[in-house]
Amino acid sequence: MTEWRYDALERLTCAYFSDTESATAPCDLRYEGKPNGNLSFKSDVGALSYDDPLHPHAVTSAGTDSFSYDREPDDALGRVTARTEAGMSFRDVLARDIRDVRQIVGPKYDKGLRDLLQVYRQNSRTHG
């Protein structure tokens, strides 16, 4: 069973696996936060950064992964437009993820995957 610990502001600080609650059990996963509520560290990922002034609560790096977001003033959704994962380009990450989805679900969602690729191609032309 997973047990949780929180700080004085009720933010998650620790997850551990035990049949009983314990204030001293070592954390299997540890979390640290900033005063603004952003998560600053996750033990299975590493440090998290928020370096995009247009999206102050959007992660720009998490461990070895990095992210960037829409910059268009009329698009306040803050959609991820680029992602680098452990040195892989966004295109390579996307291709790998699509391949993995196809292995799991087969060709059932091919139209959705084609639509996703179309969005990527449009973003590549306008943002990159």
C-alpha atoms as a PDB file:
ATOM      1  CA  MET A   1       0.000   0.000   0.000  1.00  0.00           C
ATOM      2  CA  THR A   2       1.236   3.507  -0.776  1.00  0.00           C
ATOM      3  CA  GLU A   3       1.415   5.997   2.068  1.00  0.00           C
ATOM      4  CA  TRP A   4       1.908   9.749   1.679  1.00  0.00           C
ATOM      5  CA  ARG A   5       3.437  12.599   3.694  1.00  0.00           C
ATOM      6  CA  TYR A   6       2.720  16.297   3.269  1.00  0.00           C
ATOM      7  CA  ASP A   7       4.305  19.564   4.410  1.00  0.00           C
ATOM      8  CA  ALA A   8       2.564  22.242   6.512  1.00  0.00           C
ATOM      9  CA  LEU A   9       0.944  23.651   3.355  1.00  0.00           C
ATOM     10  CA  GLU A  10      -0.475  20.221   2.442  1.00  0.00           C
ATOM     11  CA  ARG A  11       1.945  19.726  -0.482  1.00  0.00           C
ATOM     12  CA  LEU A  12       3.096  16.197  -1.192  1.00  0.00           C
ATOM     13  CA  THR A  13       6.649  15.577   0.106  1.00  0.00           C
ATOM     14  CA  CYS A  14       6.984  11.799   0.301  1.00  0.00           C
ATOM     15  CA  ALA A  15       5.535   8.538  -0.969  1.00  0.00           C
ATOM     16  CA  TYR A  16       6.494   5.218   0.567  1.00  0.00           C
ATOM     17  CA  PHE A  17       5.225   1.687   0.373  1.00  0.00           C
ATOM     18  CA  SER A  18       4.121   0.148   3.632  1.00  0.00           C
ATOM     19  CA  ASP A  19       1.205  -1.630   5.245  1.00  0.00           C
ATOM     20  CA  THR A  20       1.210   0.928   8.074  1.00  0.00           C
ATOM     21  CA  GLU A  21       1.599   4.689   8.291  1.00  0.00           C
ATOM     22  CA  SER A  22       4.963   5.804   9.660  1.00  0.00           C
ATOM     23  CA  ALA A  23       6.431   9.264  10.257  1.00  0.00           C
ATOM     24  CA  THR A  24       9.953   7.831   9.966  1.00  0.00           C
ATOM     25  CA  ALA A  25       9.718   5.375   7.057  1.00  0.00           C
ATOM     26  CA  PRO A  26      12.176   6.281   4.298  1.00  0.00           C
ATOM     27  CA  CYS A  27      10.621   7.821   1.176  1.00  0.00           C
ATOM     28  CA  ASP A  28      10.518   5.728  -1.975  1.00  0.00           C
ATOM     29  CA  LEU A  29       9.666   8.924  -3.869  1.00  0.00           C
ATOM     30  CA  ARG A  30      10.507  12.398  -2.592  1.00  0.00           C
ATOM     31  CA  TYR A  31       9.017  15.710  -3.732  1.00  0.00           C
ATOM     32  CA  GLU A  32      10.086  19.323  -3.109  1.00  0.00           C
ATOM     33  CA  GLY A  33       8.143  22.465  -3.942  1.00  0.00           C
ATOM     34  CA  LYS A  34       8.667  26.200  -4.301  1.00  0.00           C
ATOM     35  CA  PRO A  35       6.652  28.820  -2.421  1.00  0.00           C
ATOM     36  CA  ASN A  36       4.615  29.558  -5.577  1.00  0.00           C
ATOM     37  CA  GLY A  37       3.404  25.940  -5.660  1.00  0.00           C
ATOM     38  CA  ASN A  38       5.641  24.729  -8.488  1.00  0.00           C
ATOM     39  CA  LEU A  39       7.241  21.340  -7.969  1.00  0.00           C
ATOM     40  CA  SER A  40      11.027  21.861  -7.887  1.00  0.00           C
ATOM     41  CA  PHE A  41      12.282  18.302  -7.423  1.00  0.00           C
ATOM     42  CA  LYS A  42      10.994  14.775  -7.875  1.00  0.00           C
ATOM     43  CA  SER A  43      13.374  12.000  -6.830  1.00  0.00           C
ATOM     44  CA  ASP A  44      12.639   9.763  -9.831  1.00  0.00           C
ATOM     45  CA  VAL A  45      13.061  12.656 -12.308  1.00  0.00           C
ATOM     46  CA  GLY A  46      15.432  15.236 -10.794  1.00  0.00           C
ATOM     47  CA  ALA A  47      15.180  19.006 -10.708  1.00  0.00           C
ATOM     48  CA  LEU A  48      12.323  20.794 -12.465  1.00  0.00           C
ATOM     49  CA  SER A  49      12.729  24.288 -13.939  1.00  0.00           C
ATOM     50  CA  TYR A  50      10.168  26.878 -14.978  1.00  0.00           C
ATOM     51  CA  ASP A  51      12.094  29.321 -17.198  1.00  0.00           C
ATOM     52  CA  ASP A  52       9.339  30.471 -19.587  1.00  0.00           C
ATOM     53  CA  PRO A  53       8.026  33.877 -18.467  1.00  0.00           C
ATOM     54  CA  LEU A  54       4.894  33.452 -20.626  1.00  0.00           C
ATOM     55  CA  HIS A  55       4.084  30.186 -18.812  1.00  0.00           C
ATOM     56  CA  PRO A  56       5.397  30.564 -15.232  1.00  0.00           C
ATOM     57  CA  HIS A  57       3.846  27.291 -14.034  1.00  0.00           C
ATOM     58  CA  ALA A  58       4.872  25.225 -17.075  1.00  0.00           C
ATOM     59  CA  VAL A  59       7.894  22.950 -16.696  1.00  0.00           C
ATOM     60  CA  THR A  60      10.711  23.830 -19.110  1.00  0.00           C
ATOM     61  CA  SER A  61      13.039  21.091 -17.917  1.00  0.00           C
ATOM     62  CA  ALA A  62      12.615  17.965 -15.834  1.00  0.00           C
ATOM     63  CA  GLY A  63      15.779  15.988 -15.269  1.00  0.00           C
ATOM     64  CA  THR A  64      17.244  15.470 -18.749  1.00  0.00           C
ATOM     65  CA  ASP A  65      13.991  16.320 -20.578  1.00  0.00           C
ATOM     66  CA  SER A  66      13.153  19.815 -21.831  1.00  0.00           C
ATOM     67  CA  PHE A  67       9.903  21.382 -23.017  1.00  0.00           C
ATOM     68  CA  SER A  68       8.817  24.534 -24.848  1.00  0.00           C
ATOM     69  CA  TYR A  69       5.350  25.976 -25.333  1.00  0.00           C
ATOM     70  CA  ASP A  70       3.243  27.997 -27.774  1.00  0.00           C
ATOM     71  CA  ARG A  71       4.304  31.623 -27.975  1.00  0.00           C
ATOM     72  CA  GLU A  72       1.392  32.962 -29.985  1.00  0.00           C
ATOM     73  CA  PRO A  73      -0.373  35.758 -28.056  1.00  0.00           C
ATOM     74  CA  ASP A  74      -3.798  34.473 -29.111  1.00  0.00           C
ATOM     75  CA  ASP A  75      -3.022  30.942 -27.905  1.00  0.00           C
ATOM     76  CA  ALA A  76      -3.131  31.030 -24.128  1.00  0.00           C
ATOM     77  CA  LEU A  77      -3.427  27.257 -23.899  1.00  0.00           C
ATOM     78  CA  GLY A  78       0.328  26.828 -23.473  1.00  0.00           C
ATOM     79  CA  ARG A  79       0.487  23.651 -25.530  1.00  0.00           C
ATOM     80  CA  VAL A  80       3.827  21.862 -25.685  1.00  0.00           C
ATOM     81  CA  THR A  81       5.390  22.554 -29.077  1.00  0.00           C
ATOM     82  CA  ALA A  82       8.808  20.993 -28.529  1.00  0.00           C
ATOM     83  CA  ARG A  83      10.181  18.348 -26.254  1.00  0.00           C
ATOM     84  CA  THR A  84      13.664  16.971 -25.925  1.00  0.00           C
ATOM     85  CA  GLU A  85      13.965  13.766 -23.949  1.00  0.00           C
ATOM     86  CA  ALA A  86      17.426  12.640 -22.915  1.00  0.00           C
ATOM     87  CA  GLY A  87      18.942  14.215 -26.007  1.00  0.00           C
ATOM     88  CA  MET A  88      16.204  13.053 -28.396  1.00  0.00           C
ATOM     89  CA  SER A  89      14.517  15.655 -30.593  1.00  0.00           C
ATOM     90  CA  PHE A  90      10.782  16.280 -30.334  1.00  0.00           C
ATOM     91  CA  ARG A  91      10.343  14.539 -33.690  1.00  0.00           C
ATOM     92  CA  ASP A  92      12.185  11.426 -32.479  1.00  0.00           C
ATOM     93  CA  VAL A  93      10.231  11.366 -29.204  1.00  0.00           C
ATOM     94  CA  LEU A  94       6.966  11.731 -31.124  1.00  0.00           C
ATOM     95  CA  ALA A  95       7.910   8.954 -33.571  1.00  0.00           C
ATOM     96  CA  ARG A  96       8.864   6.638 -30.710  1.00  0.00           C
ATOM     97  CA  ASP A  97       5.654   7.390 -28.812  1.00  0.00           C
ATOM     98  CA  ILE A  98       3.521   6.764 -31.908  1.00  0.00           C
ATOM     99  CA  ARG A  99       5.319   3.480 -32.553  1.00  0.00           C
ATOM    100  CA  ASP A 100       4.717   2.455 -28.930  1.00  0.00           C
ATOM    101  CA  VAL A 101       1.012   3.338 -29.143  1.00  0.00           C
ATOM    102  CA  ARG A 102       0.641   1.321 -32.364  1.00  0.00           C
ATOM    103  CA  GLN A 103       2.269  -1.694 -30.691  1.00  0.00           C
ATOM    104  CA  ILE A 104      -0.227  -1.465 -27.839  1.00  0.00           C
ATOM    105  CA  VAL A 105      -3.471  -0.712 -29.709  1.00  0.00           C
ATOM    106  CA  GLY A 106      -2.683  -1.783 -33.258  1.00  0.00           C
ATOM    107  CA  PRO A 107      -3.986   0.219 -36.226  1.00  0.00           C
ATOM    108  CA  LYS A 108      -7.246   1.115 -34.427  1.00  0.00           C
ATOM    109  CA  TYR A 109      -6.142   4.732 -33.804  1.00  0.00           C
ATOM    110  CA  ASP A 110      -4.230   5.387 -37.036  1.00  0.00           C
ATOM    111  CA  LYS A 111      -6.468   8.350 -37.941  1.00  0.00           C
ATOM    112  CA  GLY A 112      -5.780   9.996 -34.589  1.00  0.00           C
ATOM    113  CA  LEU A 113      -2.059   9.394 -34.973  1.00  0.00           C
ATOM    114  CA  ARG A 114      -2.148  10.919 -38.469  1.00  0.00           C
ATOM    115  CA  ASP A 115      -3.948  13.945 -37.019  1.00  0.00           C
ATOM    116  CA  LEU A 116      -1.267  14.232 -34.324  1.00  0.00           C
ATOM    117  CA  LEU A 117       1.471  14.147 -36.956  1.00  0.00           C
ATOM    118  CA  GLN A 118      -0.348  16.864 -38.915  1.00  0.00           C
ATOM    119  CA  VAL A 119      -0.395  19.111 -35.827  1.00  0.00           C
ATOM    120  CA  TYR A 120       3.312  18.460 -35.327  1.00  0.00           C
ATOM    121  CA  ARG A 121       4.076  19.370 -38.944  1.00  0.00           C
ATOM    122  CA  GLN A 122       2.050  22.601 -38.662  1.00  0.00           C
ATOM    123  CA  ASN A 123       3.815  23.546 -35.418  1.00  0.00           C
ATOM    124  CA  SER A 124       7.194  22.790 -36.978  1.00  0.00           C
ATOM    125  CA  ARG A 125       6.490  25.238 -39.806  1.00  0.00           C
ATOM    126  CA  THR A 126       5.126  28.005 -37.577  1.00  0.00           C
ATOM    127  CA  HIS A 127       7.394  27.598 -34.537  1.00  0.00           C
ATOM    128  CA  GLY A 128      10.542  26.260 -35.729  1.00  0.00           C
END
